[in-house]
Amino acid sequence: MGLFTREQFAKEDDEAGVFLDGLGRALVTWTAMQDHTVTVHEAAKVFNTTPEIIAEAIEDAMWIYISGDHLELDGA
């Protein structure tokens, strides 16, 4: 399987599938559990997707944002 692209994510009105907001929540958890500051590119590699998808996933996620090339958690 190649990289997970935008077309492979479930649409808002789908009943099941991998949703982009689910990736955002997973990124919050994964980032919090790392013992180092993670980069957007590292997250993309771990989640088998592109840096653009990572950025899109956290755009509406709570508690996480991009600072330069790093994922940062609010209050962490």
PDB file of N, CA and C in Angstrom:
ATOM      1  N   MET A   1       0.846  -1.181   0.000  1.00  0.00           N
ATOM      2  CA  MET A   1       0.000   0.000   0.000  1.00  0.00           C
ATOM      3  C   MET A   1       0.887   1.238   0.000  1.00  0.00           C
ATOM      4  N   GLY A   2       0.528   2.194  -0.804  1.00  0.00           N
ATOM      5  CA  GLY A   2       1.266   3.443  -0.879  1.00  0.00           C
ATOM      6  C   GLY A   2       0.856   4.393   0.235  1.00  0.00           C
ATOM      7  N   LEU A   3       1.232   5.627   0.069  1.00  0.00           N
ATOM      8  CA  LEU A   3       0.865   6.649   1.046  1.00  0.00           C
ATOM      9  C   LEU A   3      -0.646   6.814   1.128  1.00  0.00           C
ATOM     10  N   PHE A   4      -1.133   7.079   2.330  1.00  0.00           N
ATOM     11  CA  PHE A   4      -2.556   7.337   2.547  1.00  0.00           C
ATOM     12  C   PHE A   4      -2.828   8.755   2.075  1.00  0.00           C
ATOM     13  N   THR A   5      -3.653   8.896   1.058  1.00  0.00           N
ATOM     14  CA  THR A   5      -3.931  10.198   0.455  1.00  0.00           C
ATOM     15  C   THR A   5      -5.291  10.734   0.900  1.00  0.00           C
ATOM     16  N   ARG A   6      -5.550  11.976   0.574  1.00  0.00           N
ATOM     17  CA  ARG A   6      -6.807  12.634   0.960  1.00  0.00           C
ATOM     18  C   ARG A   6      -8.026  11.875   0.453  1.00  0.00           C
ATOM     19  N   GLU A   7      -7.927  11.302  -0.719  1.00  0.00           N
ATOM     20  CA  GLU A   7      -9.057  10.587  -1.311  1.00  0.00           C
ATOM     21  C   GLU A   7      -9.432   9.324  -0.533  1.00  0.00           C
ATOM     22  N   GLN A   8      -8.504   8.800   0.247  1.00  0.00           N
ATOM     23  CA  GLN A   8      -8.769   7.576   0.999  1.00  0.00           C
ATOM     24  C   GLN A   8      -9.487   7.825   2.321  1.00  0.00           C
ATOM     25  N   PHE A   9      -9.536   9.065   2.776  1.00  0.00           N
ATOM     26  CA  PHE A   9     -10.241   9.378   4.013  1.00  0.00           C
ATOM     27  C   PHE A   9     -11.740   9.374   3.767  1.00  0.00           C
ATOM     28  N   ALA A  10     -12.483   8.970   4.775  1.00  0.00           N
ATOM     29  CA  ALA A  10     -13.944   8.969   4.690  1.00  0.00           C
ATOM     30  C   ALA A  10     -14.448  10.400   4.576  1.00  0.00           C
ATOM     31  N   LYS A  11     -15.560  10.561   3.907  1.00  0.00           N
ATOM     32  CA  LYS A  11     -16.220  11.865   3.796  1.00  0.00           C
ATOM     33  C   LYS A  11     -17.069  12.095   5.043  1.00  0.00           C
ATOM     34  N   GLU A  12     -17.401  13.339   5.322  1.00  0.00           N
ATOM     35  CA  GLU A  12     -18.154  13.686   6.531  1.00  0.00           C
ATOM     36  C   GLU A  12     -19.452  12.908   6.672  1.00  0.00           C
ATOM     37  N   ASP A  13     -20.126  12.637   5.566  1.00  0.00           N
ATOM     38  CA  ASP A  13     -21.416  11.955   5.650  1.00  0.00           C
ATOM     39  C   ASP A  13     -21.308  10.427   5.559  1.00  0.00           C
ATOM     40  N   ASP A  14     -20.082   9.895   5.472  1.00  0.00           N
ATOM     41  CA  ASP A  14     -19.898   8.445   5.487  1.00  0.00           C
ATOM     42  C   ASP A  14     -20.193   7.908   6.887  1.00  0.00           C
ATOM     43  N   GLU A  15     -20.720   6.700   6.950  1.00  0.00           N
ATOM     44  CA  GLU A  15     -21.031   6.083   8.243  1.00  0.00           C
ATOM     45  C   GLU A  15     -19.814   5.447   8.891  1.00  0.00           C
ATOM     46  N   ALA A  16     -18.849   5.033   8.088  1.00  0.00           N
ATOM     47  CA  ALA A  16     -17.667   4.362   8.631  1.00  0.00           C
ATOM     48  C   ALA A  16     -16.467   4.705   7.771  1.00  0.00           C
ATOM     49  N   GLY A  17     -15.299   4.480   8.318  1.00  0.00           N
ATOM     50  CA  GLY A  17     -14.059   4.724   7.585  1.00  0.00           C
ATOM     51  C   GLY A  17     -13.052   5.447   8.452  1.00  0.00           C
ATOM     52  N   VAL A  18     -11.951   5.804   7.845  1.00  0.00           N
ATOM     53  CA  VAL A  18     -10.916   6.578   8.528  1.00  0.00           C
ATOM     54  C   VAL A  18     -11.203   8.051   8.241  1.00  0.00           C
ATOM     55  N   PHE A  19     -11.511   8.788   9.285  1.00  0.00           N
ATOM     56  CA  PHE A  19     -11.865  10.203   9.151  1.00  0.00           C
ATOM     57  C   PHE A  19     -10.659  11.070   9.491  1.00  0.00           C
ATOM     58  N   LEU A  20     -10.553  12.208   8.817  1.00  0.00           N
ATOM     59  CA  LEU A  20      -9.440  13.120   9.033  1.00  0.00           C
ATOM     60  C   LEU A  20      -9.392  13.626  10.476  1.00  0.00           C
ATOM     61  N   ASP A  21     -10.537  13.852  11.101  1.00  0.00           N
ATOM     62  CA  ASP A  21     -10.517  14.317  12.493  1.00  0.00           C
ATOM     63  C   ASP A  21     -10.011  13.223  13.426  1.00  0.00           C
ATOM     64  N   GLY A  22     -10.204  11.966  13.053  1.00  0.00           N
ATOM     65  CA  GLY A  22      -9.649  10.856  13.837  1.00  0.00           C
ATOM     66  C   GLY A  22      -8.129  10.863  13.782  1.00  0.00           C
ATOM     67  N   LEU A  23      -7.577  11.195  12.618  1.00  0.00           N
ATOM     68  CA  LEU A  23      -6.126  11.322  12.505  1.00  0.00           C
ATOM     69  C   LEU A  23      -5.634  12.465  13.382  1.00  0.00           C
ATOM     70  N   GLY A  24      -6.367  13.566  13.420  1.00  0.00           N
ATOM     71  CA  GLY A  24      -5.986  14.693  14.278  1.00  0.00           C
ATOM     72  C   GLY A  24      -5.925  14.290  15.741  1.00  0.00           C
ATOM     73  N   ARG A  25      -6.915  13.537  16.202  1.00  0.00           N
ATOM     74  CA  ARG A  25      -6.917  13.077  17.602  1.00  0.00           C
ATOM     75  C   ARG A  25      -5.765  12.097  17.849  1.00  0.00           C
ATOM     76  N   ALA A  26      -5.499  11.227  16.888  1.00  0.00           N
ATOM     77  CA  ALA A  26      -4.391  10.280  17.025  1.00  0.00           C
ATOM     78  C   ALA A  26      -3.056  11.019  17.098  1.00  0.00           C
ATOM     79  N   LEU A  27      -2.920  12.084  16.325  1.00  0.00           N
ATOM     80  CA  LEU A  27      -1.686  12.870  16.347  1.00  0.00           C
ATOM     81  C   LEU A  27      -1.463  13.526  17.705  1.00  0.00           C
ATOM     82  N   VAL A  28      -2.523  14.003  18.331  1.00  0.00           N
ATOM     83  CA  VAL A  28      -2.403  14.595  19.668  1.00  0.00           C
ATOM     84  C   VAL A  28      -1.870  13.548  20.637  1.00  0.00           C
ATOM     85  N   THR A  29      -2.479  12.374  20.642  1.00  0.00           N
ATOM     86  CA  THR A  29      -2.068  11.306  21.558  1.00  0.00           C
ATOM     87  C   THR A  29      -0.639  10.865  21.272  1.00  0.00           C
ATOM     88  N   TRP A  30      -0.335  10.594  20.022  1.00  0.00           N
ATOM     89  CA  TRP A  30       0.998  10.119  19.649  1.00  0.00           C
ATOM     90  C   TRP A  30       2.065  11.147  20.003  1.00  0.00           C
ATOM     91  N   THR A  31       1.813  12.417  19.694  1.00  0.00           N
ATOM     92  CA  THR A  31       2.781  13.469  19.993  1.00  0.00           C
ATOM     93  C   THR A  31       3.027  13.569  21.498  1.00  0.00           C
ATOM     94  N   ALA A  32       1.968  13.475  22.283  1.00  0.00           N
ATOM     95  CA  ALA A  32       2.102  13.564  23.741  1.00  0.00           C
ATOM     96  C   ALA A  32       2.907  12.405  24.311  1.00  0.00           C
ATOM     97  N   MET A  33       2.884  11.271  23.649  1.00  0.00           N
ATOM     98  CA  MET A  33       3.557  10.074  24.168  1.00  0.00           C
ATOM     99  C   MET A  33       5.020   9.957  23.734  1.00  0.00           C
ATOM    100  N   GLN A  34       5.496  10.873  22.922  1.00  0.00           N
ATOM    101  CA  GLN A  34       6.888  10.817  22.466  1.00  0.00           C
ATOM    102  C   GLN A  34       7.811  11.438  23.500  1.00  0.00           C
ATOM    103  N   ASP A  35       9.049  10.983  23.515  1.00  0.00           N
ATOM    104  CA  ASP A  35      10.032  11.531  24.455  1.00  0.00           C
ATOM    105  C   ASP A  35      10.916  12.593  23.801  1.00  0.00           C
ATOM    106  N   HIS A  36      10.444  13.097  22.672  1.00  0.00           N
ATOM    107  CA  HIS A  36      11.172  14.144  21.950  1.00  0.00           C
ATOM    108  C   HIS A  36      10.168  14.983  21.168  1.00  0.00           C
ATOM    109  N   THR A  37      10.619  16.146  20.713  1.00  0.00           N
ATOM    110  CA  THR A  37       9.776  16.981  19.864  1.00  0.00           C
ATOM    111  C   THR A  37       9.717  16.344  18.483  1.00  0.00           C
ATOM    112  N   VAL A  38       8.517  16.152  17.983  1.00  0.00           N
ATOM    113  CA  VAL A  38       8.375  15.494  16.678  1.00  0.00           C
ATOM    114  C   VAL A  38       8.143  16.520  15.576  1.00  0.00           C
ATOM    115  N   THR A  39       8.550  16.144  14.382  1.00  0.00           N
ATOM    116  CA  THR A  39       8.367  17.016  13.233  1.00  0.00           C
ATOM    117  C   THR A  39       7.163  16.557  12.418  1.00  0.00           C
ATOM    118  N   VAL A  40       6.699  17.444  11.581  1.00  0.00           N
ATOM    119  CA  VAL A  40       5.604  17.121  10.669  1.00  0.00           C
ATOM    120  C   VAL A  40       6.011  15.954   9.774  1.00  0.00           C
ATOM    121  N   HIS A  41       7.256  15.969   9.292  1.00  0.00           N
ATOM    122  CA  HIS A  41       7.727  14.904   8.402  1.00  0.00           C
ATOM    123  C   HIS A  41       7.820  13.564   9.140  1.00  0.00           C
ATOM    124  N   GLU A  42       8.236  13.581  10.389  1.00  0.00           N
ATOM    125  CA  GLU A  42       8.273  12.347  11.177  1.00  0.00           C
ATOM    126  C   GLU A  42       6.860  11.790  11.346  1.00  0.00           C
ATOM    127  N   ALA A  43       5.914  12.647  11.667  1.00  0.00           N
ATOM    128  CA  ALA A  43       4.530  12.217  11.823  1.00  0.00           C
ATOM    129  C   ALA A  43       3.990  11.646  10.515  1.00  0.00           C
ATOM    130  N   ALA A  44       4.315  12.284   9.406  1.00  0.00           N
ATOM    131  CA  ALA A  44       3.860  11.798   8.110  1.00  0.00           C
ATOM    132  C   ALA A  44       4.408  10.404   7.832  1.00  0.00           C
ATOM    133  N   LYS A  45       5.652  10.184   8.179  1.00  0.00           N
ATOM    134  CA  LYS A  45       6.260   8.864   7.967  1.00  0.00           C
ATOM    135  C   LYS A  45       5.597   7.815   8.861  1.00  0.00           C
ATOM    136  N   VAL A  46       5.402   8.140  10.124  1.00  0.00           N
ATOM    137  CA  VAL A  46       4.797   7.203  11.064  1.00  0.00           C
ATOM    138  C   VAL A  46       3.369   6.851  10.667  1.00  0.00           C
ATOM    139  N   PHE A  47       2.610   7.843  10.201  1.00  0.00           N
ATOM    140  CA  PHE A  47       1.207   7.624   9.846  1.00  0.00           C
ATOM    141  C   PHE A  47       1.018   7.305   8.355  1.00  0.00           C
ATOM    142  N   ASN A  48       2.120   7.100   7.632  1.00  0.00           N
ATOM    143  CA  ASN A  48       2.085   6.688   6.232  1.00  0.00           C
ATOM    144  C   ASN A  48       1.246   7.623   5.355  1.00  0.00           C
ATOM    145  N   THR A  49       1.538   8.908   5.505  1.00  0.00           N
ATOM    146  CA  THR A  49       0.814   9.908   4.722  1.00  0.00           C
ATOM    147  C   THR A  49       1.766  11.043   4.364  1.00  0.00           C
ATOM    148  N   THR A  50       1.252  12.147   3.925  1.00  0.00           N
ATOM    149  CA  THR A  50       2.079  13.282   3.513  1.00  0.00           C
ATOM    150  C   THR A  50       2.075  14.374   4.593  1.00  0.00           C
ATOM    151  N   PRO A  51       3.076  15.232   4.588  1.00  0.00           N
ATOM    152  CA  PRO A  51       3.079  16.363   5.515  1.00  0.00           C
ATOM    153  C   PRO A  51       1.839  17.250   5.339  1.00  0.00           C
ATOM    154  N   GLU A  52       1.349  17.363   4.126  1.00  0.00           N
ATOM    155  CA  GLU A  52       0.153  18.175   3.872  1.00  0.00           C
ATOM    156  C   GLU A  52      -1.075  17.588   4.572  1.00  0.00           C
ATOM    157  N   ILE A  53      -1.193  16.273   4.576  1.00  0.00           N
ATOM    158  CA  ILE A  53      -2.312  15.622   5.269  1.00  0.00           C
ATOM    159  C   ILE A  53      -2.177  15.831   6.775  1.00  0.00           C
ATOM    160  N   ILE A  54      -0.956  15.733   7.296  1.00  0.00           N
ATOM    161  CA  ILE A  54      -0.738  15.977   8.729  1.00  0.00           C
ATOM    162  C   ILE A  54      -1.189  17.393   9.075  1.00  0.00           C
ATOM    163  N   ALA A  55      -0.791  18.363   8.280  1.00  0.00           N
ATOM    164  CA  ALA A  55      -1.179  19.759   8.526  1.00  0.00           C
ATOM    165  C   ALA A  55      -2.685  19.923   8.460  1.00  0.00           C
ATOM    166  N   GLU A  56      -3.322  19.283   7.499  1.00  0.00           N
ATOM    167  CA  GLU A  56      -4.778  19.382   7.377  1.00  0.00           C
ATOM    168  C   GLU A  56      -5.479  18.721   8.564  1.00  0.00           C
ATOM    169  N   ALA A  57      -4.928  17.603   9.030  1.00  0.00           N
ATOM    170  CA  ALA A  57      -5.553  16.878  10.142  1.00  0.00           C
ATOM    171  C   ALA A  57      -5.527  17.671  11.446  1.00  0.00           C
ATOM    172  N   ILE A  58      -4.462  18.429  11.662  1.00  0.00           N
ATOM    173  CA  ILE A  58      -4.399  19.164  12.930  1.00  0.00           C
ATOM    174  C   ILE A  58      -4.993  20.565  12.826  1.00  0.00           C
ATOM    175  N   GLU A  59      -5.370  20.962  11.624  1.00  0.00           N
ATOM    176  CA  GLU A  59      -5.948  22.297  11.428  1.00  0.00           C
ATOM    177  C   GLU A  59      -7.141  22.532  12.358  1.00  0.00           C
ATOM    178  N   ASP A  60      -8.001  21.548  12.499  1.00  0.00           N
ATOM    179  CA  ASP A  60      -9.178  21.685  13.355  1.00  0.00           C
ATOM    180  C   ASP A  60      -9.074  20.886  14.651  1.00  0.00           C
ATOM    181  N   ALA A  61      -7.927  20.242  14.889  1.00  0.00           N
ATOM    182  CA  ALA A  61      -7.758  19.447  16.105  1.00  0.00           C
ATOM    183  C   ALA A  61      -7.502  20.362  17.298  1.00  0.00           C
ATOM    184  N   MET A  62      -7.939  19.914  18.444  1.00  0.00           N
ATOM    185  CA  MET A  62      -7.708  20.684  19.673  1.00  0.00           C
ATOM    186  C   MET A  62      -6.351  20.311  20.261  1.00  0.00           C
ATOM    187  N   TRP A  63      -5.700  21.258  20.903  1.00  0.00           N
ATOM    188  CA  TRP A  63      -4.505  21.060  21.701  1.00  0.00           C
ATOM    189  C   TRP A  63      -3.231  20.834  20.904  1.00  0.00           C
ATOM    190  N   ILE A  64      -3.260  20.966  19.575  1.00  0.00           N
ATOM    191  CA  ILE A  64      -2.052  20.728  18.794  1.00  0.00           C
ATOM    192  C   ILE A  64      -1.955  21.753  17.675  1.00  0.00           C
ATOM    193  N   TYR A  65      -0.735  22.140  17.359  1.00  0.00           N
ATOM    194  CA  TYR A  65      -0.509  23.081  16.267  1.00  0.00           C
ATOM    195  C   TYR A  65       0.891  22.861  15.701  1.00  0.00           C
ATOM    196  N   ILE A  66       1.167  23.466  14.564  1.00  0.00           N
ATOM    197  CA  ILE A  66       2.479  23.364  13.946  1.00  0.00           C
ATOM    198  C   ILE A  66       3.253  24.633  14.255  1.00  0.00           C
ATOM    199  N   SER A  67       4.486  24.457  14.724  1.00  0.00           N
ATOM    200  CA  SER A  67       5.392  25.559  14.984  1.00  0.00           C
ATOM    201  C   SER A  67       6.649  25.296  14.164  1.00  0.00           C
ATOM    202  N   GLY A  68       6.830  26.041  13.089  1.00  0.00           N
ATOM    203  CA  GLY A  68       7.926  25.730  12.168  1.00  0.00           C
ATOM    204  C   GLY A  68       7.634  24.408  11.500  1.00  0.00           C
ATOM    205  N   ASP A  69       8.481  23.420  11.735  1.00  0.00           N
ATOM    206  CA  ASP A  69       8.254  22.059  11.223  1.00  0.00           C
ATOM    207  C   ASP A  69       7.904  21.090  12.353  1.00  0.00           C
ATOM    208  N   HIS A  70       7.654  21.616  13.554  1.00  0.00           N
ATOM    209  CA  HIS A  70       7.404  20.761  14.706  1.00  0.00           C
ATOM    210  C   HIS A  70       5.929  20.769  15.109  1.00  0.00           C
ATOM    211  N   LEU A  71       5.489  19.632  15.633  1.00  0.00           N
ATOM    212  CA  LEU A  71       4.145  19.560  16.215  1.00  0.00           C
ATOM    213  C   LEU A  71       4.278  19.963  17.672  1.00  0.00           C
ATOM    214  N   GLU A  72       3.445  20.860  18.116  1.00  0.00           N
ATOM    215  CA  GLU A  72       3.472  21.361  19.489  1.00  0.00           C
ATOM    216  C   GLU A  72       2.111  21.149  20.126  1.00  0.00           C
ATOM    217  N   LEU A  73       2.118  20.847  21.405  1.00  0.00           N
ATOM    218  CA  LEU A  73       0.882  20.673  22.158  1.00  0.00           C
ATOM    219  C   LEU A  73       0.646  21.885  23.032  1.00  0.00           C
ATOM    220  N   ASP A  74      -0.569  22.373  23.085  1.00  0.00           N
ATOM    221  CA  ASP A  74      -0.900  23.465  24.003  1.00  0.00           C
ATOM    222  C   ASP A  74      -0.759  22.980  25.428  1.00  0.00           C
ATOM    223  N   GLY A  75      -0.055  23.743  26.221  1.00  0.00           N
ATOM    224  CA  GLY A  75       0.082  23.417  27.631  1.00  0.00           C
ATOM    225  C   GLY A  75       1.074  22.311  27.931  1.00  0.00           C
ATOM    226  N   ALA A  76       1.799  21.852  26.930  1.00  0.00           N
ATOM    227  CA  ALA A  76       2.767  20.770  27.181  1.00  0.00           C
ATOM    228  C   ALA A  76       4.173  21.307  27.216  1.00  0.00           C
TER     229      ALA A  76
END
